[in-house]
Amino acid sequence: MAPPKNTTAPDSGPSTAAPVRDRTAEALHAWCCQNYTFGHVFSQAELLDAGIVPNQDLQILLSSVEYLTKNSLFRVHDRAGGGIGWELVDPEVAKDYANLSRNEKIVLQVIDGAKSSGMWTKQIQSKTALHGNILEKVYRVLEGRGLVKQMKSVSHPSRKMYILAGLTPSEDATGGSWFSEGRLDIGLIDTISTVIEHYVSTQSWQEIKPDDTEESLGQKRKRPSGGFEEHGDDRSKLTKTSEGQNNKVRSSKHQASAQRSYRPFAPGYKSYPTLQDITRHILDIKVTGSVLPQNAIAQLLQVMVYDDRLFKLHRPPHGNELPDDHINNTVTMYRCFKTPQDITEQHQLVKRKVSHHDDVRKAAYRQEELERLGEGGSSEVPCLRCPSFDICGDGGPVNVVTCKYFDEWYERLEEADEWTAEKEKGKEKTKERDKDKGKDKEHVTVNGDRGPRVDIELELEPS
């Protein structure tokens, strides 16, 4: 009796067979990449007219398109005029879809379709029709492989959104260069605006250098021909005199540096900084680690114009310079209201307002209050504008008895009162003069004839 045949297939282990290649599909994809850009949507007629499919056989074309779609080199796409087409995909992008499950490919394709705008998870669920638990697993897989990443939108900060890992979110989603993680970066805006204001101010004013009239004070005292006297008193007097002169020189130089004067440029000046000049200055001094684009600087300049920190001027372009306003063919320049010294004092005031010392902080707030109060009305009273208001009091270093501001105020009041009294006296004299002239000209009219005034006394007889 013959032994029974072994019908069990031998265990060949894991399949090591190479994937089946479609030469026609590969040739068709090479022709598409050579003649069109990635993202082009092909119709059936365009693929047949390529001359790659033998005899324009639809079955061969269908097999080739299915092969390319399975390998993510083609993507089914709706055509604008109706019907179905196939979108050409970059081979580097197609590698991201390799070894992914069907659900993972669908989700990745939906996120890829949103490009730099990103996709909301609720929209992903609506487009894919997948359960929420399945989507969460798919998100973890795609994030783990570095294919997608989460992003935040300025318009909808509470939404959970995804974008391809290799893309940068658009400015509509992130808010532009002035936003960080979906929030407006106030610190960055203040820093850049301060740098811009100071730079524009230095280019908007001419510094008037003081005359070198005090250089003679800084010259060293020459030794007299007869020598110095040996008396101690005379030597000490001479030393004190020289020290006093040196102190005077130092204080005068410090005062000159602290009180710089500026004047504006002449009318018609055309060298105020432009947007290109300001952007170049920001890049040269490297205020931030990131590069700010020119459109972001333009947005900040517009805000500074609205805040009355800068104002615009216009001039015709120079040489090959491109105009900002193509209709009027003009270039926009920017000028600052404040001098560099004013801006420096303002920054110092801001620093004193956040000082750790109470006295410095109170004095800074007092100075700001006085500047905001201005002159006129009750603010002319010395107490309301006194810089030593916080330390003024009976028995203190500053008090009403020793106040130097009251004398000046009283003198101004006396002058104002005298001027007012003289004015009132002049008005009274004028009124009296006019009244006397009116009495002399009084007259009566009888039957239409004018004559002098006559006083008539009547006596009444008793009845």
Protein backbone atom coordinates (compact mmCIF):
# COMPACT_ATOMS: atom_id res chain seq x y z
CA MET A 1 0.00 0.00 0.00
CA ALA A 2 1.44 3.29 -1.02
CA PRO A 3 1.86 5.92 1.66
CA PRO A 4 -0.63 8.81 1.58
CA LYS A 5 0.43 11.98 -0.20
CA ASN A 6 1.39 14.90 1.92
CA THR A 7 -1.08 17.63 0.99
CA THR A 8 0.18 20.13 3.59
CA ALA A 9 2.15 22.98 2.13
CA PRO A 10 5.63 23.39 3.55
CA ASP A 11 6.20 26.28 6.00
CA SER A 12 8.00 28.84 3.97
CA GLY A 13 8.18 31.45 6.81
CA PRO A 14 7.59 35.12 6.20
CA SER A 15 7.05 36.18 2.62
CA THR A 16 10.22 37.56 1.09
CA ALA A 17 8.81 38.01 -2.39
CA ALA A 18 9.53 41.39 -3.91
CA PRO A 19 6.53 43.60 -4.67
CA VAL A 20 5.19 43.30 -8.16
CA ARG A 21 6.28 46.23 -10.34
CA ASP A 22 4.19 47.81 -13.06
CA ARG A 23 6.51 49.04 -15.78
CA THR A 24 3.75 50.89 -17.60
CA ALA A 25 2.66 52.71 -14.41
CA GLU A 26 6.25 53.70 -13.58
CA ALA A 27 6.80 55.02 -17.10
CA LEU A 28 3.51 56.95 -16.92
CA HIS A 29 4.51 58.52 -13.59
CA ALA A 30 7.96 59.47 -14.96
CA TRP A 31 6.29 61.20 -17.95
CA CYS A 32 3.95 63.11 -15.62
CA CYS A 33 6.82 64.29 -13.40
CA GLN A 34 8.82 65.40 -16.43
CA ASN A 35 6.07 67.44 -18.10
CA TYR A 36 3.96 68.73 -15.17
CA THR A 37 4.43 70.11 -11.69
CA PHE A 38 3.39 68.32 -8.53
CA GLY A 39 -0.23 68.98 -7.69
CA HIS A 40 -1.50 68.90 -11.28
CA VAL A 41 -4.74 66.98 -11.69
CA PHE A 42 -4.82 64.73 -14.77
CA SER A 43 -7.86 63.63 -16.68
CA GLN A 44 -8.25 60.29 -18.37
CA ALA A 45 -7.76 61.85 -21.80
CA GLU A 46 -4.49 63.51 -20.79
CA LEU A 47 -3.06 60.22 -19.52
CA LEU A 48 -4.07 58.38 -22.71
CA ASP A 49 -2.59 61.12 -24.91
CA ALA A 50 0.78 60.64 -23.21
CA GLY A 51 1.50 57.71 -25.52
CA ILE A 52 2.64 55.52 -22.66
CA VAL A 53 -0.35 53.15 -22.43
CA PRO A 54 -0.15 50.55 -25.23
CA ASN A 55 -2.91 51.00 -27.80
CA GLN A 56 -4.62 53.43 -25.34
CA ASP A 57 -6.10 50.39 -23.62
CA LEU A 58 -8.42 51.54 -20.80
CA GLN A 59 -7.83 48.33 -18.82
CA ILE A 60 -4.09 48.88 -18.82
CA LEU A 61 -4.62 52.55 -17.88
CA LEU A 62 -6.94 51.55 -15.03
CA SER A 63 -4.39 49.04 -13.75
CA SER A 64 -1.56 51.60 -13.91
CA VAL A 65 -3.58 54.31 -12.15
CA GLU A 66 -4.59 51.85 -9.43
CA TYR A 67 -0.94 50.90 -8.93
CA LEU A 68 0.15 54.55 -8.62
CA THR A 69 -2.73 55.35 -6.26
CA LYS A 70 -1.89 52.37 -4.06
CA ASN A 71 1.72 53.62 -3.78
CA SER A 72 0.50 57.19 -3.03
CA LEU A 73 2.07 58.56 -6.22
CA PHE A 74 -1.40 59.46 -7.52
CA ARG A 75 -4.27 60.83 -5.46
CA VAL A 76 -7.89 60.70 -6.52
CA HIS A 77 -9.15 64.24 -6.95
CA ASP A 78 -12.34 65.96 -8.14
CA ARG A 79 -11.90 68.03 -11.28
CA ALA A 80 -13.20 71.59 -11.54
CA GLY A 81 -15.35 70.85 -14.58
CA GLY A 82 -16.77 67.70 -13.05
CA GLY A 83 -15.62 64.11 -13.06
CA ILE A 84 -12.71 62.36 -11.38
CA GLY A 85 -9.03 63.07 -11.91
CA TRP A 86 -5.69 62.05 -10.47
CA GLU A 87 -3.38 64.45 -8.66
CA LEU A 88 0.36 64.06 -9.14
CA VAL A 89 2.15 63.60 -5.78
CA ASP A 90 5.79 64.29 -5.01
CA PRO A 91 7.68 60.98 -4.46
CA GLU A 92 9.20 62.39 -1.26
CA VAL A 93 5.71 63.03 0.07
CA ALA A 94 4.58 59.58 -1.08
CA LYS A 95 7.22 57.99 1.16
CA ASP A 96 5.34 59.32 4.21
CA TYR A 97 2.37 57.14 3.28
CA ALA A 98 4.41 53.95 3.13
CA ASN A 99 3.62 51.27 5.75
CA LEU A 100 0.52 53.14 6.95
CA SER A 101 -2.86 51.56 7.49
CA ARG A 102 -5.90 52.60 5.52
CA ASN A 103 -7.25 54.86 8.29
CA GLU A 104 -3.86 56.46 8.83
CA LYS A 105 -3.53 57.22 5.12
CA ILE A 106 -6.99 58.77 5.01
CA VAL A 107 -6.32 61.02 8.01
CA LEU A 108 -2.89 62.05 6.74
CA GLN A 109 -4.36 62.85 3.34
CA VAL A 110 -7.06 65.05 4.88
CA ILE A 111 -4.51 66.97 6.98
CA ASP A 112 -2.25 67.32 3.94
CA GLY A 113 -5.15 68.85 2.00
CA ALA A 114 -5.42 71.72 4.49
CA LYS A 115 -1.81 72.78 3.76
CA SER A 116 -0.49 75.57 6.00
CA SER A 117 -3.92 76.50 7.38
CA GLY A 118 -4.14 73.29 9.44
CA MET A 119 -7.22 71.17 10.12
CA TRP A 120 -9.53 71.14 13.13
CA THR A 121 -10.05 67.69 14.67
CA LYS A 122 -13.81 68.10 14.36
CA GLN A 123 -13.44 68.73 10.64
CA ILE A 124 -11.14 65.71 10.32
CA GLN A 125 -13.77 63.53 11.94
CA SER A 126 -16.44 64.93 9.65
CA LYS A 127 -14.39 64.29 6.49
CA THR A 128 -13.13 60.83 7.43
CA ALA A 129 -16.31 59.55 9.17
CA LEU A 130 -14.10 57.73 11.69
CA HIS A 131 -14.89 57.23 15.38
CA GLY A 132 -13.24 59.51 17.89
CA ASN A 133 -11.32 56.69 19.62
CA ILE A 134 -9.92 55.49 16.30
CA LEU A 135 -8.86 59.01 15.41
CA GLU A 136 -7.01 59.44 18.71
CA LYS A 137 -4.99 56.30 17.99
CA VAL A 138 -4.28 57.51 14.46
CA TYR A 139 -3.11 60.90 15.79
CA ARG A 140 -0.68 59.21 18.18
CA VAL A 141 0.76 57.04 15.39
CA LEU A 142 1.18 59.94 12.98
CA GLU A 143 2.74 62.17 15.65
CA GLY A 144 5.06 59.37 16.73
CA ARG A 145 6.34 58.98 13.16
CA GLY A 146 6.85 62.74 12.86
CA LEU A 147 4.30 63.16 10.08
CA VAL A 148 1.91 65.63 11.77
CA LYS A 149 2.06 68.08 14.67
CA GLN A 150 -0.40 70.10 16.70
CA MET A 151 -0.87 73.81 16.08
CA LYS A 152 -2.79 76.69 17.64
CA SER A 153 -4.91 79.23 15.84
CA VAL A 154 -5.18 82.84 16.93
CA SER A 155 -8.79 83.01 15.77
CA HIS A 156 -9.75 79.84 17.64
CA PRO A 157 -7.27 79.27 20.50
CA SER A 158 -9.38 76.55 22.15
CA ARG A 159 -9.49 74.30 19.08
CA LYS A 160 -7.21 71.32 18.68
CA MET A 161 -5.68 71.43 15.22
CA TYR A 162 -3.15 69.41 13.22
CA ILE A 163 -0.78 70.30 10.41
CA LEU A 164 1.90 68.43 8.49
CA ALA A 165 5.15 68.35 10.44
CA GLY A 166 7.16 69.87 7.60
CA LEU A 167 4.93 72.93 7.13
CA THR A 168 4.91 76.30 8.90
CA PRO A 169 1.47 77.57 9.91
CA SER A 170 0.18 80.50 7.90
CA GLU A 171 0.02 84.02 9.32
CA ASP A 172 -3.77 83.83 9.34
CA ALA A 173 -3.50 80.99 11.84
CA THR A 174 -0.55 82.14 13.95
CA GLY A 175 -1.17 85.90 13.74
CA GLY A 176 2.21 86.63 12.17
CA SER A 177 5.57 87.49 13.69
CA TRP A 178 4.07 89.38 16.64
CA PHE A 179 2.39 86.29 18.09
CA SER A 180 4.04 83.55 20.12
CA GLU A 181 2.19 80.29 20.73
CA GLY A 182 -1.10 81.91 19.79
CA ARG A 183 -0.63 84.94 22.07
CA LEU A 184 0.34 88.49 21.26
CA ASP A 185 3.96 89.03 22.31
CA ILE A 186 3.68 92.39 24.09
CA GLY A 187 7.31 92.36 25.22
CA LEU A 188 8.62 91.90 21.68
CA ILE A 189 6.37 94.67 20.35
CA ASP A 190 7.49 97.12 23.07
CA THR A 191 11.16 96.34 22.47
CA ILE A 192 11.04 96.70 18.69
CA SER A 193 8.85 99.82 18.82
CA THR A 194 11.27 101.45 21.28
CA VAL A 195 14.23 100.71 19.01
CA ILE A 196 12.36 102.03 15.99
CA GLU A 197 11.28 105.23 17.75
CA HIS A 198 14.82 105.99 18.93
CA TYR A 199 16.32 105.28 15.51
CA VAL A 200 13.77 107.43 13.66
CA SER A 201 14.25 110.19 16.24
CA THR A 202 18.01 110.28 15.67
CA GLN A 203 17.35 110.63 11.93
CA SER A 204 14.67 113.30 12.42
CA TRP A 205 16.57 115.93 14.42
CA GLN A 206 19.86 117.79 14.14
CA GLU A 207 21.96 117.89 17.28
CA ILE A 208 23.30 121.35 18.08
CA LYS A 209 26.78 120.94 19.52
CA PRO A 210 27.67 123.49 22.23
CA ASP A 211 30.51 125.89 21.66
CA ASP A 212 33.84 125.04 23.19
CA THR A 213 33.70 128.05 25.48
CA GLU A 214 34.43 126.07 28.59
CA GLU A 215 37.57 124.39 27.34
CA SER A 216 39.62 127.15 28.93
CA LEU A 217 38.31 126.09 32.32
CA GLY A 218 39.76 122.65 31.81
CA GLN A 219 43.30 123.86 31.23
CA LYS A 220 45.79 123.09 33.95
CA ARG A 221 47.05 125.93 36.14
CA LYS A 222 50.58 126.91 35.20
CA ARG A 223 53.27 127.17 37.83
CA PRO A 224 54.13 130.84 38.48
CA SER A 225 57.61 131.99 37.59
CA GLY A 226 58.33 132.98 41.19
CA GLY A 227 57.22 129.57 42.47
CA PHE A 228 54.52 128.77 44.99
CA GLU A 229 54.63 130.38 48.37
CA GLU A 230 55.56 128.08 51.20
CA HIS A 231 52.87 129.36 53.52
CA GLY A 232 50.36 126.65 54.34
CA ASP A 233 47.35 128.91 54.18
CA ASP A 234 48.19 130.19 50.73
CA ARG A 235 48.91 126.69 49.47
CA SER A 236 45.59 125.39 50.82
CA LYS A 237 43.73 128.30 49.23
CA LEU A 238 45.38 127.56 45.91
CA THR A 239 44.49 123.87 46.18
CA LYS A 240 40.87 124.64 47.01
CA THR A 241 40.67 127.05 44.09
CA SER A 242 41.98 124.49 41.60
CA GLU A 243 39.66 121.80 42.98
CA GLY A 244 36.74 124.19 42.67
CA GLN A 245 37.60 124.89 39.06
CA ASN A 246 37.90 121.17 38.29
CA ASN A 247 34.54 120.47 39.94
CA LYS A 248 33.03 123.32 37.98
CA VAL A 249 34.42 121.89 34.73
CA ARG A 250 33.06 118.41 35.51
CA SER A 251 29.63 119.73 36.46
CA SER A 252 29.48 121.95 33.38
CA LYS A 253 30.44 119.08 31.11
CA HIS A 254 27.85 116.82 32.74
CA GLN A 255 25.22 119.51 32.37
CA ALA A 256 26.11 120.03 28.72
CA SER A 257 25.84 116.32 28.01
CA ALA A 258 22.56 116.03 29.89
CA GLN A 259 20.97 119.08 28.25
CA ARG A 260 21.56 118.55 24.57
CA SER A 261 19.65 120.71 22.17
CA TYR A 262 18.15 119.67 18.86
CA ARG A 263 16.56 121.43 15.95
CA PRO A 264 14.46 120.06 13.08
CA PHE A 265 15.71 119.80 9.54
CA ALA A 266 14.85 122.44 7.00
CA PRO A 267 11.57 122.19 5.08
CA GLY A 268 11.80 119.88 2.10
CA TYR A 269 14.26 117.48 3.76
CA LYS A 270 14.04 114.14 1.92
CA SER A 271 16.36 111.85 3.91
CA TYR A 272 14.05 110.68 6.67
CA PRO A 273 14.18 106.87 7.16
CA THR A 274 11.96 104.63 5.05
CA LEU A 275 10.60 101.15 5.68
CA GLN A 276 13.67 99.60 4.06
CA ASP A 277 16.02 101.69 6.22
CA ILE A 278 14.20 100.76 9.43
CA THR A 279 14.09 97.05 8.53
CA ARG A 280 17.81 97.08 7.71
CA HIS A 281 18.57 98.76 11.04
CA ILE A 282 16.58 96.12 12.96
CA LEU A 283 18.46 93.33 11.18
CA ASP A 284 21.87 94.96 11.70
CA ILE A 285 21.60 95.43 15.45
CA LYS A 286 20.07 91.92 15.88
CA VAL A 287 17.49 92.79 18.51
CA THR A 288 15.89 89.34 18.36
CA GLY A 289 17.16 85.91 17.46
CA SER A 290 14.47 85.48 14.81
CA VAL A 291 14.37 87.49 11.59
CA LEU A 292 11.44 89.88 11.37
CA PRO A 293 10.05 90.21 7.82
CA GLN A 294 9.52 93.60 6.27
CA ASN A 295 5.72 93.26 6.25
CA ALA A 296 5.76 92.74 10.03
CA ILE A 297 7.81 95.94 10.48
CA ALA A 298 5.32 97.74 8.22
CA GLN A 299 2.44 96.63 10.45
CA LEU A 300 4.20 97.92 13.56
CA LEU A 301 5.01 101.25 11.88
CA GLN A 302 1.34 101.69 11.02
CA VAL A 303 0.39 101.11 14.66
CA MET A 304 3.00 103.64 15.81
CA VAL A 305 1.54 106.18 13.38
CA TYR A 306 -1.92 105.59 14.85
CA ASP A 307 -0.45 106.11 18.35
CA ASP A 308 1.06 109.48 17.27
CA ARG A 309 4.59 108.25 17.95
CA LEU A 310 5.55 108.66 14.28
CA PHE A 311 4.07 110.43 11.31
CA LYS A 312 4.41 109.90 7.58
CA LEU A 313 6.02 111.98 4.86
CA HIS A 314 6.16 111.22 1.15
CA ARG A 315 8.75 111.81 -1.54
CA PRO A 316 9.40 110.57 -5.09
CA PRO A 317 11.57 107.44 -5.44
CA HIS A 318 15.31 107.76 -5.99
CA GLY A 319 16.93 105.85 -8.86
CA ASN A 320 15.84 102.20 -8.92
CA GLU A 321 13.94 102.52 -5.64
CA LEU A 322 10.49 100.91 -5.70
CA PRO A 323 7.60 103.15 -4.63
CA ASP A 324 5.30 102.22 -1.75
CA ASP A 325 2.34 103.86 -3.44
CA HIS A 326 2.34 102.79 -7.09
CA ILE A 327 -0.61 105.03 -7.94
CA ASN A 328 1.03 108.27 -6.78
CA ASN A 329 4.58 106.96 -7.32
CA THR A 330 5.78 107.96 -3.85
CA VAL A 331 7.96 106.48 -1.11
CA THR A 332 6.83 106.76 2.51
CA MET A 333 9.22 108.27 5.06
CA TYR A 334 8.81 108.34 8.83
CA ARG A 335 9.58 111.17 11.26
CA CYS A 336 9.48 111.26 15.05
CA PHE A 337 7.82 113.95 17.17
CA LYS A 338 10.22 113.61 20.09
CA THR A 339 13.92 114.33 20.24
CA PRO A 340 16.38 111.59 21.27
CA GLN A 341 16.79 113.35 24.63
CA ASP A 342 13.03 113.26 25.24
CA ILE A 343 12.89 109.56 24.44
CA THR A 344 15.83 108.83 26.76
CA GLU A 345 14.16 110.71 29.62
CA GLN A 346 10.92 108.86 28.98
CA HIS A 347 12.68 105.49 29.17
CA GLN A 348 14.43 106.50 32.38
CA LEU A 349 11.08 107.51 33.86
CA VAL A 350 9.66 104.08 33.01
CA LYS A 351 12.60 102.39 34.72
CA ARG A 352 12.18 104.54 37.84
CA LYS A 353 8.49 103.61 38.01
CA VAL A 354 9.42 99.95 38.52
CA SER A 355 12.30 100.63 40.90
CA HIS A 356 12.64 98.63 44.12
CA HIS A 357 13.06 101.85 46.13
CA ASP A 358 9.82 103.42 47.26
CA ASP A 359 11.14 106.98 47.13
CA VAL A 360 12.36 106.62 43.55
CA ARG A 361 9.13 104.99 42.47
CA LYS A 362 6.93 107.64 44.14
CA ALA A 363 8.98 110.47 42.63
CA ALA A 364 8.61 108.92 39.18
CA TYR A 365 4.84 108.66 39.50
CA ARG A 366 4.74 112.21 40.84
CA GLN A 367 6.71 113.45 37.82
CA GLU A 368 4.38 111.64 35.45
CA GLU A 369 1.39 113.14 37.24
CA LEU A 370 2.80 116.67 36.94
CA GLU A 371 3.55 116.22 33.25
CA ARG A 372 0.03 114.96 32.66
CA LEU A 373 -1.46 117.80 34.73
CA GLY A 374 0.24 120.51 32.70
CA GLU A 375 0.11 124.22 33.32
CA GLY A 376 -2.88 126.50 33.90
CA GLY A 377 -5.77 126.71 36.35
CA SER A 378 -5.23 125.29 39.82
CA SER A 379 -2.02 123.63 38.63
CA GLU A 380 -0.30 127.02 38.98
CA VAL A 381 -0.37 126.60 42.75
CA PRO A 382 3.18 125.58 43.74
CA CYS A 383 2.05 122.63 45.88
CA LEU A 384 0.35 120.90 42.95
CA ARG A 385 3.49 121.05 40.84
CA CYS A 386 6.17 120.73 43.50
CA PRO A 387 8.65 117.87 42.86
CA SER A 388 9.23 117.61 46.65
CA PHE A 389 5.55 117.29 47.48
CA ASP A 390 5.93 113.85 49.12
CA ILE A 391 8.55 115.00 51.65
CA CYS A 392 7.02 118.39 52.41
CA GLY A 393 5.72 118.89 55.95
CA ASP A 394 6.06 120.87 59.16
CA GLY A 395 9.53 120.43 60.62
CA GLY A 396 10.76 118.50 57.60
CA PRO A 397 13.59 119.31 55.19
CA VAL A 398 11.01 120.97 52.93
CA ASN A 399 8.18 122.99 54.49
CA VAL A 400 5.95 125.96 53.83
CA VAL A 401 8.20 128.40 55.70
CA THR A 402 11.34 127.61 53.70
CA CYS A 403 9.59 127.01 50.38
CA LYS A 404 11.24 128.96 47.58
CA TYR A 405 8.35 128.52 45.17
CA PHE A 406 5.82 130.55 47.17
CA ASP A 407 7.74 133.83 46.83
CA GLU A 408 7.76 133.58 43.07
CA TRP A 409 4.09 132.63 43.08
CA TYR A 410 3.13 135.55 45.33
CA GLU A 411 5.03 137.99 43.13
CA ARG A 412 3.20 136.76 40.07
CA LEU A 413 -0.10 137.05 41.94
CA GLU A 414 0.67 140.62 43.02
CA GLU A 415 1.58 141.59 39.48
CA ALA A 416 -1.60 140.00 38.19
CA ASP A 417 -3.69 141.76 40.88
CA GLU A 418 -2.10 145.13 40.12
CA TRP A 419 -2.69 144.70 36.43
CA THR A 420 -6.31 143.72 37.07
CA ALA A 421 -6.85 146.70 39.42
CA GLU A 422 -5.42 149.14 36.90
CA LYS A 423 -7.61 147.69 34.24
CA GLU A 424 -10.72 148.06 36.40
CA LYS A 425 -9.80 151.66 37.26
CA GLY A 426 -9.41 152.44 33.60
CA LYS A 427 -12.85 151.01 32.90
CA GLU A 428 -14.45 153.08 35.69
CA LYS A 429 -12.83 156.30 34.46
CA THR A 430 -14.05 155.60 30.98
CA LYS A 431 -17.59 155.04 32.24
CA GLU A 432 -17.58 158.30 34.26
CA ARG A 433 -16.23 160.25 31.29
CA ASP A 434 -18.93 158.86 29.04
CA LYS A 435 -21.59 159.64 31.66
CA ASP A 436 -20.47 163.32 31.97
CA LYS A 437 -20.49 163.74 28.24
CA GLY A 438 -24.03 162.38 28.14
CA LYS A 439 -25.27 164.88 30.72
CA ASP A 440 -23.88 167.87 28.81
CA LYS A 441 -25.63 166.79 25.67
CA GLU A 442 -29.08 166.30 27.23
CA HIS A 443 -31.79 168.39 25.55
CA VAL A 444 -35.55 168.56 24.98
CA THR A 445 -37.61 168.65 21.86
CA VAL A 446 -40.59 171.01 21.54
CA ASN A 447 -42.74 170.83 18.45
CA GLY A 448 -39.93 169.21 16.61
CA ASP A 449 -37.44 171.98 17.47
CA ARG A 450 -34.44 171.14 19.63
CA GLY A 451 -33.32 173.61 22.22
CA PRO A 452 -31.51 173.87 25.51
CA ARG A 453 -32.81 172.10 28.54
CA VAL A 454 -35.14 174.28 30.70
CA ASP A 455 -36.11 173.50 34.27
CA ILE A 456 -39.64 174.70 35.14
CA GLU A 457 -41.02 174.84 38.65
CA LEU A 458 -44.79 174.69 39.10
CA GLU A 459 -46.64 175.99 42.14
CA LEU A 460 -50.04 174.52 42.88
CA GLU A 461 -52.63 176.85 44.45
CA PRO A 462 -54.68 175.38 47.24
CA SER A 463 -58.24 174.68 46.21
